Protein backbone atom coordinates (compact mmCIF):
# COMPACT_ATOMS: atom_id res chain seq x y z
CA MET A 1 -0.13 0.04 -0.44
CA ASN A 2 3.00 2.69 0.44
CA ASN A 3 3.71 2.75 -3.29
CA ILE A 4 0.34 3.24 -3.59
CA ILE A 5 0.32 5.97 -2.02
CA GLY A 6 3.88 6.76 -2.49
CA TYR A 7 1.91 7.07 -6.33
CA ILE A 8 -0.75 9.21 -5.32
CA GLN A 9 1.60 11.42 -3.58
CA ARG A 10 3.84 12.08 -7.00
CA GLY A 11 0.12 12.10 -9.41
CA ILE A 12 -0.12 15.08 -6.69
CA LYS A 13 2.78 16.15 -7.93
CA LEU A 14 2.64 16.79 -11.16
CA ASP A 15 -0.88 18.07 -11.15
CA LYS A 16 -2.79 14.15 -12.78
CA ILE A 17 -4.70 14.19 -9.75
CA TYR A 18 -6.15 17.15 -8.34
CA GLY A 19 -9.64 18.65 -6.69
CA ASN A 20 -13.18 17.86 -8.15
CA GLN A 21 -11.52 14.84 -10.07
CA HIS A 22 -13.50 11.97 -11.00
CA PHE A 23 -12.50 8.93 -8.57
CA ALA A 24 -12.28 6.37 -11.86
CA ASP A 25 -10.00 9.17 -13.89
CA ILE A 26 -7.77 7.32 -10.78
CA VAL A 27 -7.78 4.27 -11.50
CA LYS A 28 -6.95 4.79 -15.13
CA TYR A 29 -4.19 7.05 -14.14
CA PHE A 30 -2.89 4.24 -12.10
CA ARG A 31 -4.25 1.45 -15.24
CA GLU A 32 -1.70 3.60 -17.31
CA ILE A 33 1.68 2.95 -14.59
CA PRO A 34 2.75 -0.70 -15.90
CA ARG A 35 2.99 -2.00 -11.70
CA PHE A 36 -0.09 -1.40 -10.72
CA LYS A 37 -2.71 -2.74 -13.86
CA LYS A 38 -3.21 -5.52 -11.35
CA ASN A 39 -4.66 -3.65 -7.98
CA SER A 40 -8.44 -2.99 -7.64
CA LYS A 41 -10.33 -0.30 -7.03
CA GLU A 42 -10.43 -1.27 -3.75
CA ASP A 43 -7.20 -0.93 -3.18
CA ILE A 44 -6.73 1.97 -4.29
CA MET A 45 -9.89 3.99 -2.39
CA MET A 46 -8.09 2.59 0.96
CA ALA A 47 -5.15 3.89 0.46
CA MET A 48 -6.68 7.16 -0.21
CA GLN A 49 -8.19 6.66 2.68
CA ARG A 50 -5.23 5.81 5.06
CA MET A 51 -3.79 8.86 3.79
CA VAL A 52 -6.96 11.00 4.70
CA ARG A 53 -6.94 9.63 8.12
CA ALA A 54 -3.23 10.00 8.85
CA LYS A 55 -2.91 12.76 7.25
CA TYR A 56 0.11 12.37 5.01
CA LYS A 57 0.42 14.90 2.04
CA GLY A 58 -1.76 15.67 -0.29
CA TYR A 59 -4.95 15.00 1.70
CA ARG A 60 -6.74 17.95 1.33
CA THR A 61 -6.76 17.61 -2.52
CA ILE A 62 -7.86 13.44 -2.34
CA GLU A 63 -11.46 14.38 -0.51
CA LEU A 64 -12.30 16.89 -2.80
CA ILE A 65 -12.09 14.65 -5.32
CA ILE A 66 -15.33 13.19 -6.57
CA GLY A 67 -16.59 9.48 -5.25
CA PHE A 68 -13.79 9.14 -2.49
CA ILE A 69 -15.65 7.68 0.28
CA PRO A 70 -14.48 8.74 3.49
CA ASN A 71 -14.16 6.08 5.80
CA PRO A 72 -13.27 7.88 9.44
CA ASN A 73 -13.60 5.06 11.98
CA PRO A 74 -12.43 1.50 10.17
CA ASN A 75 -12.17 -0.51 13.42
CA SER A 76 -16.07 0.29 14.23
CA LYS A 77 -18.73 -2.42 14.54
CA ARG A 78 -21.07 -1.60 12.07
């Protein structure tokens, strides 16, 4: 998951990932990277949720992404 977080931060820095962008576009960005072709949408969403919870660099940009589902309390039972 750490590699995914690093590539998300890289995409934010290079302006390939920005606020008001759809989540499907971010998945498309990861499909272009040969290392991440087999990662699922759930893996990418989990990495983004972790970035927001831990307040990694770029977490404010991720909060603005259309289709992002925040998970503020992952240990709670539903």
